[in-house]
mmCIF file of all heavy atoms, coordinates in Angstrom:
data_MODEL
# 
_entry.id   MODEL 
# 
loop_
_atom_site.group_PDB 
_atom_site.id 
_atom_site.type_symbol 
_atom_site.label_atom_id 
_atom_site.label_alt_id 
_atom_site.label_comp_id 
_atom_site.label_asym_id 
_atom_site.label_entity_id 
_atom_site.label_seq_id 
_atom_site.pdbx_PDB_ins_code 
_atom_site.Cartn_x 
_atom_site.Cartn_y 
_atom_site.Cartn_z 
_atom_site.occupancy 
_atom_site.B_iso_or_equiv 
_atom_site.pdbx_formal_charge 
_atom_site.auth_seq_id 
_atom_site.auth_comp_id 
_atom_site.auth_asym_id 
_atom_site.auth_atom_id 
_atom_site.pdbx_PDB_model_num 
ATOM 1   N N   . LEU A 1 1  ? 11.779  20.580 -14.617 1.00 0.00 ? 1  LEU A N   1 
ATOM 2   C CA  . LEU A 1 1  ? 10.499  21.074 -14.045 1.00 0.00 ? 1  LEU A CA  1 
ATOM 3   C C   . LEU A 1 1  ? 10.590  21.095 -12.487 1.00 0.00 ? 1  LEU A C   1 
ATOM 4   O O   . LEU A 1 1  ? 11.033  20.119 -11.937 1.00 0.00 ? 1  LEU A O   1 
ATOM 5   C CB  . LEU A 1 1  ? 9.356   20.222 -14.477 1.00 0.00 ? 1  LEU A CB  1 
ATOM 6   C CG  . LEU A 1 1  ? 7.889   20.766 -14.333 1.00 0.00 ? 1  LEU A CG  1 
ATOM 7   C CD1 . LEU A 1 1  ? 7.707   22.001 -15.235 1.00 0.00 ? 1  LEU A CD1 1 
ATOM 8   C CD2 . LEU A 1 1  ? 6.911   19.697 -14.621 1.00 0.00 ? 1  LEU A CD2 1 
ATOM 9   N N   . PRO A 1 2  ? 10.218  22.166 -11.822 1.00 0.00 ? 2  PRO A N   1 
ATOM 10  C CA  . PRO A 1 2  ? 10.198  22.155 -10.335 1.00 0.00 ? 2  PRO A CA  1 
ATOM 11  C C   . PRO A 1 2  ? 9.336   21.065 -9.798  1.00 0.00 ? 2  PRO A C   1 
ATOM 12  O O   . PRO A 1 2  ? 8.352   20.663 -10.407 1.00 0.00 ? 2  PRO A O   1 
ATOM 13  C CB  . PRO A 1 2  ? 9.683   23.545 -10.005 1.00 0.00 ? 2  PRO A CB  1 
ATOM 14  C CG  . PRO A 1 2  ? 9.928   24.411 -11.151 1.00 0.00 ? 2  PRO A CG  1 
ATOM 15  C CD  . PRO A 1 2  ? 9.779   23.481 -12.409 1.00 0.00 ? 2  PRO A CD  1 
ATOM 16  N N   . LEU A 1 3  ? 9.721   20.542 -8.609  1.00 0.00 ? 3  LEU A N   1 
ATOM 17  C CA  . LEU A 1 3  ? 9.046   19.433 -8.036  1.00 0.00 ? 3  LEU A CA  1 
ATOM 18  C C   . LEU A 1 3  ? 7.569   19.752 -7.797  1.00 0.00 ? 3  LEU A C   1 
ATOM 19  O O   . LEU A 1 3  ? 6.673   18.910 -8.061  1.00 0.00 ? 3  LEU A O   1 
ATOM 20  C CB  . LEU A 1 3  ? 9.647   19.054 -6.682  1.00 0.00 ? 3  LEU A CB  1 
ATOM 21  C CG  . LEU A 1 3  ? 9.033   17.905 -5.907  1.00 0.00 ? 3  LEU A CG  1 
ATOM 22  C CD1 . LEU A 1 3  ? 9.069   16.617 -6.740  1.00 0.00 ? 3  LEU A CD1 1 
ATOM 23  C CD2 . LEU A 1 3  ? 9.803   17.685 -4.595  1.00 0.00 ? 3  LEU A CD2 1 
ATOM 24  N N   . GLU A 1 4  ? 7.227   20.981 -7.374  1.00 0.00 ? 4  GLU A N   1 
ATOM 25  C CA  . GLU A 1 4  ? 5.842   21.303 -7.122  1.00 0.00 ? 4  GLU A CA  1 
ATOM 26  C C   . GLU A 1 4  ? 5.007   21.257 -8.404  1.00 0.00 ? 4  GLU A C   1 
ATOM 27  O O   . GLU A 1 4  ? 3.905   20.714 -8.434  1.00 0.00 ? 4  GLU A O   1 
ATOM 28  C CB  . GLU A 1 4  ? 5.764   22.742 -6.537  1.00 0.00 ? 4  GLU A CB  1 
ATOM 29  C CG  . GLU A 1 4  ? 6.399   22.947 -5.186  1.00 0.00 ? 4  GLU A CG  1 
ATOM 30  C CD  . GLU A 1 4  ? 7.868   23.142 -5.281  1.00 0.00 ? 4  GLU A CD  1 
ATOM 31  O OE1 . GLU A 1 4  ? 8.462   23.124 -6.387  1.00 0.00 ? 4  GLU A OE1 1 
ATOM 32  O OE2 . GLU A 1 4  ? 8.446   23.370 -4.236  1.00 0.00 ? 4  GLU A OE2 1 
ATOM 33  N N   . ARG A 1 5  ? 5.561   21.723 -9.515  1.00 0.00 ? 5  ARG A N   1 
ATOM 34  C CA  . ARG A 1 5  ? 4.842   21.702 -10.794 1.00 0.00 ? 5  ARG A CA  1 
ATOM 35  C C   . ARG A 1 5  ? 4.695   20.257 -11.296 1.00 0.00 ? 5  ARG A C   1 
ATOM 36  O O   . ARG A 1 5  ? 3.736   19.913 -11.950 1.00 0.00 ? 5  ARG A O   1 
ATOM 37  C CB  . ARG A 1 5  ? 5.530   22.605 -11.805 1.00 0.00 ? 5  ARG A CB  1 
ATOM 38  C CG  . ARG A 1 5  ? 5.455   24.067 -11.473 1.00 0.00 ? 5  ARG A CG  1 
ATOM 39  C CD  . ARG A 1 5  ? 6.050   24.932 -12.614 1.00 0.00 ? 5  ARG A CD  1 
ATOM 40  N NE  . ARG A 1 5  ? 5.350   24.672 -13.884 1.00 0.00 ? 5  ARG A NE  1 
ATOM 41  C CZ  . ARG A 1 5  ? 5.773   25.176 -15.063 1.00 0.00 ? 5  ARG A CZ  1 
ATOM 42  N NH1 . ARG A 1 5  ? 6.907   25.945 -15.094 1.00 0.00 ? 5  ARG A NH1 1 
ATOM 43  N NH2 . ARG A 1 5  ? 5.136   24.959 -16.128 1.00 0.00 ? 5  ARG A NH2 1 
ATOM 44  N N   . ALA A 1 6  ? 5.760   19.440 -11.034 1.00 0.00 ? 6  ALA A N   1 
ATOM 45  C CA  . ALA A 1 6  ? 5.729   18.068 -11.470 1.00 0.00 ? 6  ALA A CA  1 
ATOM 46  C C   . ALA A 1 6  ? 4.609   17.343 -10.727 1.00 0.00 ? 6  ALA A C   1 
ATOM 47  O O   . ALA A 1 6  ? 3.827   16.568 -11.325 1.00 0.00 ? 6  ALA A O   1 
ATOM 48  C CB  . ALA A 1 6  ? 7.036   17.409 -11.226 1.00 0.00 ? 6  ALA A CB  1 
ATOM 49  N N   . LEU A 1 7  ? 4.455   17.579 -9.416  1.00 0.00 ? 7  LEU A N   1 
ATOM 50  C CA  . LEU A 1 7  ? 3.408   16.955 -8.653  1.00 0.00 ? 7  LEU A CA  1 
ATOM 51  C C   . LEU A 1 7  ? 2.034   17.463 -9.097  1.00 0.00 ? 7  LEU A C   1 
ATOM 52  O O   . LEU A 1 7  ? 1.044   16.699 -9.145  1.00 0.00 ? 7  LEU A O   1 
ATOM 53  C CB  . LEU A 1 7  ? 3.615   17.227 -7.155  1.00 0.00 ? 7  LEU A CB  1 
ATOM 54  C CG  . LEU A 1 7  ? 4.832   16.499 -6.501  1.00 0.00 ? 7  LEU A CG  1 
ATOM 55  C CD1 . LEU A 1 7  ? 5.058   16.983 -5.105  1.00 0.00 ? 7  LEU A CD1 1 
ATOM 56  C CD2 . LEU A 1 7  ? 4.570   15.012 -6.513  1.00 0.00 ? 7  LEU A CD2 1 
ATOM 57  N N   . THR A 1 8  ? 1.974   18.743 -9.435  1.00 0.00 ? 8  THR A N   1 
ATOM 58  C CA  . THR A 1 8  ? 0.690   19.297 -9.931  1.00 0.00 ? 8  THR A CA  1 
ATOM 59  C C   . THR A 1 8  ? 0.290   18.633 -11.224 1.00 0.00 ? 8  THR A C   1 
ATOM 60  O O   . THR A 1 8  ? -0.862  18.213 -11.407 1.00 0.00 ? 8  THR A O   1 
ATOM 61  C CB  . THR A 1 8  ? 0.844   20.806 -10.167 1.00 0.00 ? 8  THR A CB  1 
ATOM 62  O OG1 . THR A 1 8  ? 1.197   21.461 -8.923  1.00 0.00 ? 8  THR A OG1 1 
ATOM 63  C CG2 . THR A 1 8  ? -0.439  21.367 -10.686 1.00 0.00 ? 8  THR A CG2 1 
ATOM 64  N N   . ALA A 1 9  ? 1.236   18.444 -12.144 1.00 0.00 ? 9  ALA A N   1 
ATOM 65  C CA  . ALA A 1 9  ? 0.920   17.786 -13.418 1.00 0.00 ? 9  ALA A CA  1 
ATOM 66  C C   . ALA A 1 9  ? 0.506   16.351 -13.183 1.00 0.00 ? 9  ALA A C   1 
ATOM 67  O O   . ALA A 1 9  ? -0.495  15.876 -13.839 1.00 0.00 ? 9  ALA A O   1 
ATOM 68  C CB  . ALA A 1 9  ? 2.150   17.833 -14.338 1.00 0.00 ? 9  ALA A CB  1 
ATOM 69  N N   . LEU A 1 10 ? 1.162   15.616 -12.286 1.00 0.00 ? 10 LEU A N   1 
ATOM 70  C CA  . LEU A 1 10 ? 0.820   14.237 -12.027 1.00 0.00 ? 10 LEU A CA  1 
ATOM 71  C C   . LEU A 1 10 ? -0.559  14.099 -11.394 1.00 0.00 ? 10 LEU A C   1 
ATOM 72  O O   . LEU A 1 10 ? -1.326  13.171 -11.594 1.00 0.00 ? 10 LEU A O   1 
ATOM 73  C CB  . LEU A 1 10 ? 1.871   13.524 -11.193 1.00 0.00 ? 10 LEU A CB  1 
ATOM 74  C CG  . LEU A 1 10 ? 3.207   13.331 -11.874 1.00 0.00 ? 10 LEU A CG  1 
ATOM 75  C CD1 . LEU A 1 10 ? 4.218   12.713 -10.932 1.00 0.00 ? 10 LEU A CD1 1 
ATOM 76  C CD2 . LEU A 1 10 ? 3.076   12.449 -13.109 1.00 0.00 ? 10 LEU A CD2 1 
ATOM 77  N N   . ALA A 1 11 ? -0.854  15.080 -10.470 1.00 0.00 ? 11 ALA A N   1 
ATOM 78  C CA  . ALA A 1 11 ? -2.183  15.043 -9.825  1.00 0.00 ? 11 ALA A CA  1 
ATOM 79  C C   . ALA A 1 11 ? -3.275  15.258 -10.794 1.00 0.00 ? 11 ALA A C   1 
ATOM 80  O O   . ALA A 1 11 ? -4.332  14.661 -10.756 1.00 0.00 ? 11 ALA A O   1 
ATOM 81  C CB  . ALA A 1 11 ? -2.174  16.141 -8.686  1.00 0.00 ? 11 ALA A CB  1 
ATOM 82  N N   . GLU A 1 12 ? -3.063  16.173 -11.779 1.00 0.00 ? 12 GLU A N   1 
ATOM 83  C CA  . GLU A 1 12 ? -4.071  16.502 -12.792 1.00 0.00 ? 12 GLU A CA  1 
ATOM 84  C C   . GLU A 1 12 ? -4.264  15.344 -13.741 1.00 0.00 ? 12 GLU A C   1 
ATOM 85  O O   . GLU A 1 12 ? -5.384  15.092 -14.280 1.00 0.00 ? 12 GLU A O   1 
ATOM 86  C CB  . GLU A 1 12 ? -3.724  17.772 -13.515 1.00 0.00 ? 12 GLU A CB  1 
ATOM 87  C CG  . GLU A 1 12 ? -3.764  19.011 -12.631 1.00 0.00 ? 12 GLU A CG  1 
ATOM 88  C CD  . GLU A 1 12 ? -3.258  20.266 -13.368 1.00 0.00 ? 12 GLU A CD  1 
ATOM 89  O OE1 . GLU A 1 12 ? -2.761  20.087 -14.491 1.00 0.00 ? 12 GLU A OE1 1 
ATOM 90  O OE2 . GLU A 1 12 ? -3.378  21.338 -12.816 1.00 0.00 ? 12 GLU A OE2 1 
ATOM 91  N N   . GLU A 1 13 ? -3.184  14.611 -14.017 1.00 0.00 ? 13 GLU A N   1 
ATOM 92  C CA  . GLU A 1 13 ? -3.253  13.518 -14.976 1.00 0.00 ? 13 GLU A CA  1 
ATOM 93  C C   . GLU A 1 13 ? -3.645  12.148 -14.368 1.00 0.00 ? 13 GLU A C   1 
ATOM 94  O O   . GLU A 1 13 ? -3.842  11.191 -15.119 1.00 0.00 ? 13 GLU A O   1 
ATOM 95  C CB  . GLU A 1 13 ? -1.913  13.381 -15.694 1.00 0.00 ? 13 GLU A CB  1 
ATOM 96  C CG  . GLU A 1 13 ? -1.495  14.566 -16.568 1.00 0.00 ? 13 GLU A CG  1 
ATOM 97  C CD  . GLU A 1 13 ? -2.465  14.787 -17.670 1.00 0.00 ? 13 GLU A CD  1 
ATOM 98  O OE1 . GLU A 1 13 ? -3.010  13.759 -18.243 1.00 0.00 ? 13 GLU A OE1 1 
ATOM 99  O OE2 . GLU A 1 13 ? -2.735  15.945 -18.008 1.00 0.00 ? 13 GLU A OE2 1 
ATOM 100 N N   . SER A 1 14 ? -3.733  12.103 -13.082 1.00 0.00 ? 14 SER A N   1 
ATOM 101 C CA  . SER A 1 14 ? -4.109  10.808 -12.423 1.00 0.00 ? 14 SER A CA  1 
ATOM 102 C C   . SER A 1 14 ? -5.522  10.403 -12.793 1.00 0.00 ? 14 SER A C   1 
ATOM 103 O O   . SER A 1 14 ? -6.421  11.197 -12.711 1.00 0.00 ? 14 SER A O   1 
ATOM 104 C CB  . SER A 1 14 ? -3.936  10.964 -10.894 1.00 0.00 ? 14 SER A CB  1 
ATOM 105 O OG  . SER A 1 14 ? -2.656  11.264 -10.535 1.00 0.00 ? 14 SER A OG  1 
ATOM 106 N N   . GLU A 1 15 ? -5.617  9.181  -13.210 1.00 0.00 ? 15 GLU A N   1 
ATOM 107 C CA  . GLU A 1 15 ? -6.960  8.664  -13.587 1.00 0.00 ? 15 GLU A CA  1 
ATOM 108 C C   . GLU A 1 15 ? -7.711  8.186  -12.368 1.00 0.00 ? 15 GLU A C   1 
ATOM 109 O O   . GLU A 1 15 ? -8.930  8.181  -12.341 1.00 0.00 ? 15 GLU A O   1 
ATOM 110 C CB  . GLU A 1 15 ? -6.792  7.492  -14.571 1.00 0.00 ? 15 GLU A CB  1 
ATOM 111 C CG  . GLU A 1 15 ? -6.172  7.904  -15.912 1.00 0.00 ? 15 GLU A CG  1 
ATOM 112 C CD  . GLU A 1 15 ? -6.000  6.695  -16.809 1.00 0.00 ? 15 GLU A CD  1 
ATOM 113 O OE1 . GLU A 1 15 ? -6.366  5.579  -16.445 1.00 0.00 ? 15 GLU A OE1 1 
ATOM 114 O OE2 . GLU A 1 15 ? -5.531  6.950  -17.989 1.00 0.00 ? 15 GLU A OE2 1 
ATOM 115 N N   . SER A 1 16 ? -6.999  7.761  -11.305 1.00 0.00 ? 16 SER A N   1 
ATOM 116 C CA  . SER A 1 16 ? -7.631  7.277  -10.122 1.00 0.00 ? 16 SER A CA  1 
ATOM 117 C C   . SER A 1 16 ? -7.835  8.449  -9.122  1.00 0.00 ? 16 SER A C   1 
ATOM 118 O O   . SER A 1 16 ? -6.927  9.200  -8.852  1.00 0.00 ? 16 SER A O   1 
ATOM 119 C CB  . SER A 1 16 ? -6.746  6.187  -9.453  1.00 0.00 ? 16 SER A CB  1 
ATOM 120 O OG  . SER A 1 16 ? -7.188  5.906  -8.158  1.00 0.00 ? 16 SER A OG  1 
ATOM 121 N N   . LEU A 1 17 ? -9.029  8.532  -8.576  1.00 0.00 ? 17 LEU A N   1 
ATOM 122 C CA  . LEU A 1 17 ? -9.310  9.609  -7.609  1.00 0.00 ? 17 LEU A CA  1 
ATOM 123 C C   . LEU A 1 17 ? -8.472  9.454  -6.320  1.00 0.00 ? 17 LEU A C   1 
ATOM 124 O O   . LEU A 1 17 ? -7.916  10.460 -5.868  1.00 0.00 ? 17 LEU A O   1 
ATOM 125 C CB  . LEU A 1 17 ? -10.797 9.632  -7.295  1.00 0.00 ? 17 LEU A CB  1 
ATOM 126 C CG  . LEU A 1 17 ? -11.267 10.714 -6.328  1.00 0.00 ? 17 LEU A CG  1 
ATOM 127 C CD1 . LEU A 1 17 ? -10.970 12.085 -6.878  1.00 0.00 ? 17 LEU A CD1 1 
ATOM 128 C CD2 . LEU A 1 17 ? -12.750 10.564 -5.940  1.00 0.00 ? 17 LEU A CD2 1 
ATOM 129 N N   . PRO A 1 18 ? -8.343  8.296  -5.745  1.00 0.00 ? 18 PRO A N   1 
ATOM 130 C CA  . PRO A 1 18 ? -7.441  8.158  -4.590  1.00 0.00 ? 18 PRO A CA  1 
ATOM 131 C C   . PRO A 1 18 ? -5.992  8.536  -4.907  1.00 0.00 ? 18 PRO A C   1 
ATOM 132 O O   . PRO A 1 18 ? -5.374  9.202  -4.060  1.00 0.00 ? 18 PRO A O   1 
ATOM 133 C CB  . PRO A 1 18 ? -7.548  6.660  -4.191  1.00 0.00 ? 18 PRO A CB  1 
ATOM 134 C CG  . PRO A 1 18 ? -8.865  6.267  -4.748  1.00 0.00 ? 18 PRO A CG  1 
ATOM 135 C CD  . PRO A 1 18 ? -9.054  6.964  -6.006  1.00 0.00 ? 18 PRO A CD  1 
ATOM 136 N N   . GLN A 1 19 ? -5.498  8.217  -6.070  1.00 0.00 ? 19 GLN A N   1 
ATOM 137 C CA  . GLN A 1 19 ? -4.165  8.572  -6.444  1.00 0.00 ? 19 GLN A CA  1 
ATOM 138 C C   . GLN A 1 19 ? -4.074  10.092 -6.635  1.00 0.00 ? 19 GLN A C   1 
ATOM 139 O O   . GLN A 1 19 ? -3.053  10.706 -6.216  1.00 0.00 ? 19 GLN A O   1 
ATOM 140 C CB  . GLN A 1 19 ? -3.764  7.880  -7.716  1.00 0.00 ? 19 GLN A CB  1 
ATOM 141 C CG  . GLN A 1 19 ? -2.318  8.052  -8.135  1.00 0.00 ? 19 GLN A CG  1 
ATOM 142 C CD  . GLN A 1 19 ? -1.955  7.277  -9.390  1.00 0.00 ? 19 GLN A CD  1 
ATOM 143 O OE1 . GLN A 1 19 ? -1.508  7.854  -10.357 1.00 0.00 ? 19 GLN A OE1 1 
ATOM 144 N NE2 . GLN A 1 19 ? -2.197  5.986  -9.357  1.00 0.00 ? 19 GLN A NE2 1 
ATOM 145 N N   . ARG A 1 20 ? -5.087  10.684 -7.176  1.00 0.00 ? 20 ARG A N   1 
ATOM 146 C CA  . ARG A 1 20 ? -5.107  12.160 -7.364  1.00 0.00 ? 20 ARG A CA  1 
ATOM 147 C C   . ARG A 1 20 ? -5.073  12.847 -6.028  1.00 0.00 ? 20 ARG A C   1 
ATOM 148 O O   . ARG A 1 20 ? -4.334  13.820 -5.779  1.00 0.00 ? 20 ARG A O   1 
ATOM 149 C CB  . ARG A 1 20 ? -6.347  12.588 -8.146  1.00 0.00 ? 20 ARG A CB  1 
ATOM 150 C CG  . ARG A 1 20 ? -6.336  14.057 -8.532  1.00 0.00 ? 20 ARG A CG  1 
ATOM 151 C CD  . ARG A 1 20 ? -7.606  14.369 -9.287  1.00 0.00 ? 20 ARG A CD  1 
ATOM 152 N NE  . ARG A 1 20 ? -7.742  13.452 -10.408 1.00 0.00 ? 20 ARG A NE  1 
ATOM 153 C CZ  . ARG A 1 20 ? -8.928  13.023 -10.860 1.00 0.00 ? 20 ARG A CZ  1 
ATOM 154 N NH1 . ARG A 1 20 ? -10.070 13.422 -10.271 1.00 0.00 ? 20 ARG A NH1 1 
ATOM 155 N NH2 . ARG A 1 20 ? -9.036  12.192 -11.877 1.00 0.00 ? 20 ARG A NH2 1 
ATOM 156 N N   . HIS A 1 21 ? -5.838  12.305 -5.050  1.00 0.00 ? 21 HIS A N   1 
ATOM 157 C CA  . HIS A 1 21 ? -5.864  12.887 -3.715  1.00 0.00 ? 21 HIS A CA  1 
ATOM 158 C C   . HIS A 1 21 ? -4.495  12.738 -3.046  1.00 0.00 ? 21 HIS A C   1 
ATOM 159 O O   . HIS A 1 21 ? -4.007  13.658 -2.335  1.00 0.00 ? 21 HIS A O   1 
ATOM 160 C CB  . HIS A 1 21 ? -6.910  12.233 -2.868  1.00 0.00 ? 21 HIS A CB  1 
ATOM 161 C CG  . HIS A 1 21 ? -8.292  12.696 -3.199  1.00 0.00 ? 21 HIS A CG  1 
ATOM 162 N ND1 . HIS A 1 21 ? -9.441  12.177 -2.609  1.00 0.00 ? 21 HIS A ND1 1 
ATOM 163 C CD2 . HIS A 1 21 ? -8.731  13.606 -4.083  1.00 0.00 ? 21 HIS A CD2 1 
ATOM 164 C CE1 . HIS A 1 21 ? -10.529 12.778 -3.089  1.00 0.00 ? 21 HIS A CE1 1 
ATOM 165 N NE2 . HIS A 1 21 ? -10.114 13.666 -3.977  1.00 0.00 ? 21 HIS A NE2 1 
ATOM 166 N N   . LEU A 1 22 ? -3.870  11.580 -3.180  1.00 0.00 ? 22 LEU A N   1 
ATOM 167 C CA  . LEU A 1 22 ? -2.562  11.370 -2.587  1.00 0.00 ? 22 LEU A CA  1 
ATOM 168 C C   . LEU A 1 22 ? -1.530  12.291 -3.092  1.00 0.00 ? 22 LEU A C   1 
ATOM 169 O O   . LEU A 1 22 ? -0.796  12.942 -2.342  1.00 0.00 ? 22 LEU A O   1 
ATOM 170 C CB  . LEU A 1 22 ? -2.165  9.864  -2.777  1.00 0.00 ? 22 LEU A CB  1 
ATOM 171 C CG  . LEU A 1 22 ? -0.748  9.484  -2.288  1.00 0.00 ? 22 LEU A CG  1 
ATOM 172 C CD1 . LEU A 1 22 ? -0.640  9.756  -0.763  1.00 0.00 ? 22 LEU A CD1 1 
ATOM 173 C CD2 . LEU A 1 22 ? -0.466  8.033  -2.581  1.00 0.00 ? 22 LEU A CD2 1 
ATOM 174 N N   . VAL A 1 23 ? -1.467  12.399 -4.409  1.00 0.00 ? 23 VAL A N   1 
ATOM 175 C CA  . VAL A 1 23 ? -0.467  13.276 -5.033  1.00 0.00 ? 23 VAL A CA  1 
ATOM 176 C C   . VAL A 1 23 ? -0.737  14.725 -4.638  1.00 0.00 ? 23 VAL A C   1 
ATOM 177 O O   . VAL A 1 23 ? 0.172   15.524 -4.488  1.00 0.00 ? 23 VAL A O   1 
ATOM 178 C CB  . VAL A 1 23 ? -0.402  13.061 -6.558  1.00 0.00 ? 23 VAL A CB  1 
ATOM 179 C CG1 . VAL A 1 23 ? 0.649   13.994 -7.174  1.00 0.00 ? 23 VAL A CG1 1 
ATOM 180 C CG2 . VAL A 1 23 ? -0.042  11.614 -6.880  1.00 0.00 ? 23 VAL A CG2 1 
ATOM 181 N N   . ALA A 1 24 ? -2.041  15.111 -4.645  1.00 0.00 ? 24 ALA A N   1 
ATOM 182 C CA  . ALA A 1 24 ? -2.377  16.484 -4.287  1.00 0.00 ? 24 ALA A CA  1 
ATOM 183 C C   . ALA A 1 24 ? -1.923  16.768 -2.847  1.00 0.00 ? 24 ALA A C   1 
ATOM 184 O O   . ALA A 1 24 ? -1.458  17.882 -2.521  1.00 0.00 ? 24 ALA A O   1 
ATOM 185 C CB  . ALA A 1 24 ? -3.894  16.695 -4.425  1.00 0.00 ? 24 ALA A CB  1 
ATOM 186 N N   . GLY A 1 25 ? -2.096  15.754 -1.973  1.00 0.00 ? 25 GLY A N   1 
ATOM 187 C CA  . GLY A 1 25 ? -1.681  15.974 -0.556  1.00 0.00 ? 25 GLY A CA  1 
ATOM 188 C C   . GLY A 1 25 ? -0.123  16.160 -0.514  1.00 0.00 ? 25 GLY A C   1 
ATOM 189 O O   . GLY A 1 25 ? 0.386   16.949 0.262   1.00 0.00 ? 25 GLY A O   1 
ATOM 190 N N   . LEU A 1 26 ? 0.593   15.353 -1.312  1.00 0.00 ? 26 LEU A N   1 
ATOM 191 C CA  . LEU A 1 26 ? 2.075   15.521 -1.312  1.00 0.00 ? 26 LEU A CA  1 
ATOM 192 C C   . LEU A 1 26 ? 2.426   16.885 -1.860  1.00 0.00 ? 26 LEU A C   1 
ATOM 193 O O   . LEU A 1 26 ? 3.350   17.539 -1.312  1.00 0.00 ? 26 LEU A O   1 
ATOM 194 C CB  . LEU A 1 26 ? 2.648   14.419 -2.210  1.00 0.00 ? 26 LEU A CB  1 
ATOM 195 C CG  . LEU A 1 26 ? 2.517   12.952 -1.710  1.00 0.00 ? 26 LEU A CG  1 
ATOM 196 C CD1 . LEU A 1 26 ? 3.054   12.018 -2.810  1.00 0.00 ? 26 LEU A CD1 1 
ATOM 197 C CD2 . LEU A 1 26 ? 3.279   12.740 -0.459  1.00 0.00 ? 26 LEU A CD2 1 
ATOM 198 N N   . ARG A 1 27 ? 1.744   17.321 -2.874  1.00 0.00 ? 27 ARG A N   1 
ATOM 199 C CA  . ARG A 1 27 ? 2.045   18.663 -3.424  1.00 0.00 ? 27 ARG A CA  1 
ATOM 200 C C   . ARG A 1 27 ? 1.772   19.761 -2.392  1.00 0.00 ? 27 ARG A C   1 
ATOM 201 O O   . ARG A 1 27 ? 2.507   20.733 -2.260  1.00 0.00 ? 27 ARG A O   1 
ATOM 202 C CB  . ARG A 1 27 ? 1.190   18.904 -4.651  1.00 0.00 ? 27 ARG A CB  1 
ATOM 203 C CG  . ARG A 1 27 ? 1.393   20.236 -5.320  1.00 0.00 ? 27 ARG A CG  1 
ATOM 204 C CD  . ARG A 1 27 ? 0.330   20.531 -6.372  1.00 0.00 ? 27 ARG A CD  1 
ATOM 205 N NE  . ARG A 1 27 ? -0.995  20.551 -5.774  1.00 0.00 ? 27 ARG A NE  1 
ATOM 206 C CZ  . ARG A 1 27 ? -2.130  20.632 -6.475  1.00 0.00 ? 27 ARG A CZ  1 
ATOM 207 N NH1 . ARG A 1 27 ? -2.093  20.625 -7.806  1.00 0.00 ? 27 ARG A NH1 1 
ATOM 208 N NH2 . ARG A 1 27 ? -3.292  20.678 -5.880  1.00 0.00 ? 27 ARG A NH2 1 
ATOM 209 N N   . ALA A 1 28 ? 0.659   19.621 -1.647  1.00 0.00 ? 28 ALA A N   1 
ATOM 210 C CA  . ALA A 1 28 ? 0.380   20.618 -0.627  1.00 0.00 ? 28 ALA A CA  1 
ATOM 211 C C   . ALA A 1 28 ? 1.436   20.673 0.447   1.00 0.00 ? 28 ALA A C   1 
ATOM 212 O O   . ALA A 1 28 ? 1.861   21.734 0.909   1.00 0.00 ? 28 ALA A O   1 
ATOM 213 C CB  . ALA A 1 28 ? -1.007  20.284 0.020   1.00 0.00 ? 28 ALA A CB  1 
ATOM 214 N N   . GLU A 1 29 ? 1.950   19.507 0.842   1.00 0.00 ? 29 GLU A N   1 
ATOM 215 C CA  . GLU A 1 29 ? 3.002   19.449 1.878   1.00 0.00 ? 29 GLU A CA  1 
ATOM 216 C C   . GLU A 1 29 ? 4.316   20.087 1.320   1.00 0.00 ? 29 GLU A C   1 
ATOM 217 O O   . GLU A 1 29 ? 4.951   20.822 2.020   1.00 0.00 ? 29 GLU A O   1 
ATOM 218 C CB  . GLU A 1 29 ? 3.256   18.013 2.281   1.00 0.00 ? 29 GLU A CB  1 
ATOM 219 C CG  . GLU A 1 29 ? 2.146   17.414 3.123   1.00 0.00 ? 29 GLU A CG  1 
ATOM 220 C CD  . GLU A 1 29 ? 2.104   18.055 4.504   1.00 0.00 ? 29 GLU A CD  1 
ATOM 221 O OE1 . GLU A 1 29 ? 3.139   18.386 5.098   1.00 0.00 ? 29 GLU A OE1 1 
ATOM 222 O OE2 . GLU A 1 29 ? 0.966   18.342 4.987   1.00 0.00 ? 29 GLU A OE2 1 
# 
């Protein structure tokens, strides 16, 4: 799986809102 899609999947599956924001920020970068 491409890194961008992997980060997208992890951001969507994150139960913690701060963790979701962090992973989403990494994906955006």
